[in-house]
Amino acid sequence: MALQGQTVLAVVPARGGSKAIPRKNLCQVGGISLVGRAGEVARALPWIDARVLSTDDREIADEGRAHGLYVPFMRPDELSGDLANSIDMWRHAWLESEKHYGKRFDVSVLLEPTSPLRRAEDVTGTVELLLSGDYKAAATVSPAPAHFTPHKCLTVNDGLIGFYHQAGAQHSIRQTIPTYYFRNGICYAVRRKTLVEDRVILGDRCAANVIDRHIVNIDDMFDLELAEFLLQREARAGSH
């Protein structure tokens, strides 16, 4: 089922190596692994034409299959290390998927397992935004907390505090600071030419889908605990 006449490929990237949290992509939030949660969201979207997992790990591959992802290829070693490039990984998955399915995909979405609070409507909204205008890509972003903005960031040189932003001294209250955003990893969506030919994700003509709710991007064990807490809070709120 194509969306607005466009064939869509979903790619879930999940390599086996992780330094901060060993086997991170198999860690669970709400009783489901991170890779499993990404797979469940992809499976809930009927307009996605193919859902593939890019991994170098057999156990993660089996876990992905259990949650509706297909593993028609294994990710090569040169795209699986700590310094592996996301563009090269995604491009490899795109071309290998086209080879396997014998078809061309117009659009692809990247669903990183490290954003476990993703909702199906976040993905749908991002792709619909991409297709709504002359955009090359679209990505989800979140408003940055005021105390993490450039105006509030500090430097420390020789033990002395300085302002990262030269106007920082003039913005002591939150209300005077401009709104900034950060990538939250919930969804990236790109047209084929953008990634496969131009090898770009966040370039010019990239639309922003703003997600204004609490989300977590998993980097350490505290993030896992926070994601669990937020998921339970959502469940309690939904039951009222």
Protein backbone atom coordinates (compact mmCIF):
# COMPACT_ATOMS: atom_id res chain seq x y z
CA MET A 1 0.00 0.00 0.00
CA ALA A 2 1.70 3.20 -1.18
CA LEU A 3 1.23 6.52 0.62
CA GLN A 4 0.17 9.29 -1.77
CA GLY A 5 1.43 7.12 -4.62
CA GLN A 6 4.89 6.76 -3.04
CA THR A 7 6.42 3.41 -2.12
CA VAL A 8 7.89 3.54 1.37
CA LEU A 9 10.69 1.52 2.97
CA ALA A 10 11.11 1.45 6.77
CA VAL A 11 14.64 0.76 8.04
CA VAL A 12 15.36 -0.08 11.69
CA PRO A 13 19.12 0.16 12.40
CA ALA A 14 20.31 -2.04 15.27
CA ARG A 15 23.91 -3.16 15.44
CA GLY A 16 25.09 -5.57 18.09
CA GLY A 17 27.88 -3.49 19.61
CA SER A 18 27.27 -0.83 22.26
CA LYS A 19 29.72 0.52 24.82
CA ALA A 20 27.50 2.43 27.27
CA ILE A 21 24.87 -0.33 27.53
CA PRO A 22 26.00 -3.78 26.35
CA ARG A 23 23.45 -5.33 23.97
CA LYS A 24 21.47 -2.10 24.19
CA ASN A 25 19.06 -2.82 21.35
CA LEU A 26 17.83 -5.93 23.19
CA CYS A 27 17.16 -4.06 26.45
CA GLN A 28 13.48 -3.84 27.34
CA VAL A 29 11.11 -0.96 28.00
CA GLY A 30 7.58 -1.90 28.97
CA GLY A 31 8.41 -5.58 28.54
CA ILE A 32 9.43 -5.19 24.89
CA SER A 33 12.97 -4.82 23.55
CA LEU A 34 14.04 -1.56 21.96
CA VAL A 35 14.32 -3.18 18.54
CA GLY A 36 10.96 -4.85 19.14
CA ARG A 37 9.27 -1.54 19.93
CA ALA A 38 10.55 -0.03 16.68
CA GLY A 39 9.29 -3.08 14.81
CA GLU A 40 5.85 -2.88 16.42
CA VAL A 41 5.44 0.75 15.32
CA ALA A 42 6.50 -0.11 11.77
CA ARG A 43 4.08 -3.05 11.73
CA ALA A 44 1.22 -0.75 12.79
CA LEU A 45 1.60 1.41 9.66
CA PRO A 46 -0.18 -0.26 6.71
CA TRP A 47 1.18 2.26 4.19
CA ILE A 48 4.75 1.04 4.69
CA ASP A 49 5.61 -1.31 1.81
CA ALA A 50 8.61 -3.05 3.40
CA ARG A 51 10.00 -3.16 6.94
CA VAL A 52 13.63 -4.22 7.21
CA LEU A 53 16.13 -4.52 10.02
CA SER A 54 19.75 -3.57 9.38
CA THR A 55 21.90 -5.50 11.83
CA ASP A 56 25.15 -7.43 12.09
CA ASP A 57 23.86 -9.54 14.99
CA ARG A 58 21.99 -12.86 14.70
CA GLU A 59 20.20 -12.53 18.04
CA ILE A 60 18.97 -9.04 17.19
CA ALA A 61 17.90 -10.33 13.77
CA ASP A 62 15.77 -13.02 15.43
CA GLU A 63 14.27 -10.45 17.79
CA GLY A 64 13.41 -8.16 14.90
CA ARG A 65 11.70 -10.98 13.01
CA ALA A 66 9.59 -11.72 16.10
CA HIS A 67 8.22 -8.17 15.88
CA GLY A 68 7.41 -7.98 12.21
CA LEU A 69 10.73 -6.90 10.72
CA TYR A 70 12.39 -8.66 7.79
CA VAL A 71 16.11 -9.36 7.60
CA PRO A 72 16.86 -10.00 3.92
CA PHE A 73 20.56 -9.15 4.43
CA MET A 74 23.10 -8.78 7.23
CA ARG A 75 24.93 -5.52 7.72
CA PRO A 76 28.62 -5.79 6.72
CA ASP A 77 31.34 -5.30 9.31
CA GLU A 78 32.56 -2.04 7.79
CA LEU A 79 29.16 -0.48 8.51
CA SER A 80 28.83 -1.89 12.03
CA GLY A 81 31.60 -0.27 14.07
CA ASP A 82 31.46 2.68 16.46
CA LEU A 83 32.51 5.07 13.68
CA ALA A 84 30.08 3.73 11.10
CA ASN A 85 28.30 6.43 9.11
CA SER A 86 24.49 6.55 9.35
CA ILE A 87 24.20 7.68 5.75
CA ASP A 88 26.26 4.75 4.46
CA MET A 89 24.33 2.29 6.65
CA TRP A 90 20.94 3.59 5.49
CA ARG A 91 22.01 3.75 1.86
CA HIS A 92 23.27 0.15 2.02
CA ALA A 93 19.95 -0.99 3.54
CA TRP A 94 17.99 0.89 0.87
CA LEU A 95 19.89 -0.57 -2.08
CA GLU A 96 19.95 -4.08 -0.64
CA SER A 97 16.21 -3.89 -0.01
CA GLU A 98 15.56 -2.79 -3.58
CA LYS A 99 17.66 -5.69 -4.80
CA HIS A 100 15.82 -8.16 -2.57
CA TYR A 101 12.29 -6.96 -3.30
CA GLY A 102 12.94 -6.17 -6.95
CA LYS A 103 11.38 -2.74 -6.69
CA ARG A 104 12.34 0.89 -6.24
CA PHE A 105 11.36 2.72 -3.06
CA ASP A 106 10.52 6.41 -3.43
CA VAL A 107 10.80 7.25 0.27
CA SER A 108 12.40 5.67 3.32
CA VAL A 109 11.97 6.23 7.05
CA LEU A 110 14.65 5.51 9.62
CA LEU A 111 13.31 4.31 12.98
CA GLU A 112 16.10 4.16 15.54
CA PRO A 113 15.39 1.72 18.41
CA THR A 114 16.92 4.18 20.88
CA SER A 115 13.71 6.28 20.75
CA PRO A 116 11.30 3.82 22.41
CA LEU A 117 8.49 6.33 23.07
CA ARG A 118 7.81 6.69 19.35
CA ARG A 119 4.17 6.66 18.26
CA ALA A 120 2.77 5.55 14.92
CA GLU A 121 1.32 9.01 14.32
CA ASP A 122 4.80 10.55 14.68
CA VAL A 123 6.00 8.52 11.70
CA THR A 124 2.89 9.15 9.65
CA GLY A 125 3.07 12.87 10.34
CA THR A 126 6.72 13.04 9.32
CA VAL A 127 6.18 11.30 5.97
CA GLU A 128 3.04 13.30 5.23
CA LEU A 129 5.02 16.46 5.96
CA LEU A 130 7.77 15.35 3.58
CA LEU A 131 5.25 14.72 0.82
CA SER A 132 3.29 17.92 1.45
CA GLY A 133 5.74 20.22 -0.31
CA ASP A 134 9.05 20.61 -2.10
CA TYR A 135 11.01 18.98 0.70
CA LYS A 136 14.02 16.71 0.32
CA ALA A 137 13.70 15.25 3.82
CA ALA A 138 11.79 15.59 7.08
CA ALA A 139 12.77 14.82 10.66
CA THR A 140 11.26 14.92 14.11
CA VAL A 141 12.67 17.46 16.54
CA SER A 142 11.91 18.50 20.11
CA PRO A 143 12.12 21.93 21.74
CA ALA A 144 15.37 22.22 23.70
CA PRO A 145 14.99 22.95 27.43
CA ALA A 146 15.98 26.57 28.06
CA HIS A 147 18.87 25.62 30.36
CA PHE A 148 20.45 23.55 27.53
CA THR A 149 20.28 26.29 24.89
CA PRO A 150 23.42 28.06 23.59
CA HIS A 151 22.56 31.14 25.67
CA LYS A 152 22.71 29.08 28.87
CA CYS A 153 25.70 26.88 28.00
CA LEU A 154 28.99 27.73 29.64
CA THR A 155 32.64 27.09 29.00
CA VAL A 156 35.29 26.39 31.63
CA ASN A 157 38.86 27.37 30.77
CA ASP A 158 41.60 27.24 33.41
CA GLY A 159 38.88 26.80 36.00
CA LEU A 160 37.03 29.97 34.98
CA ILE A 161 33.46 30.11 33.71
CA GLY A 162 32.67 31.81 30.44
CA PHE A 163 29.61 32.11 28.21
CA TYR A 164 29.46 29.82 25.17
CA HIS A 165 27.16 32.31 23.42
CA GLN A 166 28.38 35.90 23.49
CA ALA A 167 24.85 37.12 24.30
CA GLY A 168 24.52 34.67 27.19
CA ALA A 169 25.07 37.31 29.87
CA GLN A 170 22.06 39.22 28.56
CA HIS A 171 19.66 36.26 28.86
CA SER A 172 19.38 35.40 32.54
CA ILE A 173 15.69 34.47 32.32
CA ARG A 174 14.16 31.74 30.22
CA GLN A 175 11.53 33.93 28.57
CA THR A 176 14.13 35.99 26.69
CA ILE A 177 15.88 33.01 25.09
CA PRO A 178 14.97 32.07 21.49
CA THR A 179 13.47 28.63 20.88
CA TYR A 180 15.97 25.97 19.85
CA TYR A 181 15.37 22.36 18.84
CA PHE A 182 17.25 19.08 18.98
CA ARG A 183 17.00 15.86 16.97
CA ASN A 184 15.08 13.31 18.98
CA GLY A 185 15.63 10.25 16.75
CA ILE A 186 11.94 9.36 16.53
CA CYS A 187 11.79 9.52 12.74
CA TYR A 188 13.81 10.60 9.74
CA ALA A 189 12.16 10.50 6.31
CA VAL A 190 13.95 11.11 3.01
CA ARG A 191 13.30 10.92 -0.70
CA ARG A 192 15.40 8.45 -2.66
CA LYS A 193 17.54 11.06 -4.43
CA THR A 194 18.35 12.79 -1.15
CA LEU A 195 19.97 9.76 0.43
CA VAL A 196 20.91 7.35 -2.34
CA GLU A 197 22.25 9.88 -4.82
CA ASP A 198 23.12 12.98 -2.78
CA ARG A 199 24.09 11.08 0.42
CA VAL A 200 22.40 13.64 2.69
CA ILE A 201 19.91 13.37 5.57
CA LEU A 202 19.62 16.77 7.23
CA GLY A 203 20.47 19.14 4.41
CA ASP A 204 18.60 22.00 2.83
CA ARG A 205 14.83 21.70 2.40
CA CYS A 206 14.46 19.43 5.44
CA ALA A 207 11.07 19.92 7.10
CA ALA A 208 10.71 19.82 10.90
CA ASN A 209 8.02 17.76 12.58
CA VAL A 210 7.99 19.17 16.12
CA ILE A 211 7.22 16.63 18.86
CA ASP A 212 6.30 18.62 21.95
CA ARG A 213 6.06 15.96 24.64
CA HIS A 214 8.50 14.17 26.90
CA ILE A 215 10.63 11.69 24.99
CA VAL A 216 13.83 9.78 25.76
CA ASN A 217 16.77 8.84 23.58
CA ILE A 218 18.54 5.87 25.16
CA ASP A 219 22.24 6.43 25.85
CA ASP A 220 22.69 4.99 29.36
CA MET A 221 20.91 2.99 32.03
CA PHE A 222 19.23 6.07 33.51
CA ASP A 223 17.60 6.74 30.15
CA LEU A 224 16.14 3.23 30.20
CA GLU A 225 14.72 3.83 33.67
CA LEU A 226 13.31 7.20 32.60
CA ALA A 227 11.68 5.69 29.51
CA GLU A 228 10.08 3.02 31.69
CA PHE A 229 8.75 5.69 34.06
CA LEU A 230 7.31 7.82 31.24
CA LEU A 231 5.69 4.79 29.61
CA GLN A 232 4.03 3.81 32.90
CA ARG A 233 2.86 7.40 33.43
CA GLU A 234 1.31 7.43 29.94
CA ALA A 235 -0.46 4.15 30.70
CA ARG A 236 -1.87 5.53 33.96
CA ALA A 237 -3.04 8.70 32.24
CA GLY A 238 -4.70 6.67 29.47
CA SER A 239 -6.62 4.54 31.95
CA HIS A 240 -8.31 7.58 33.55
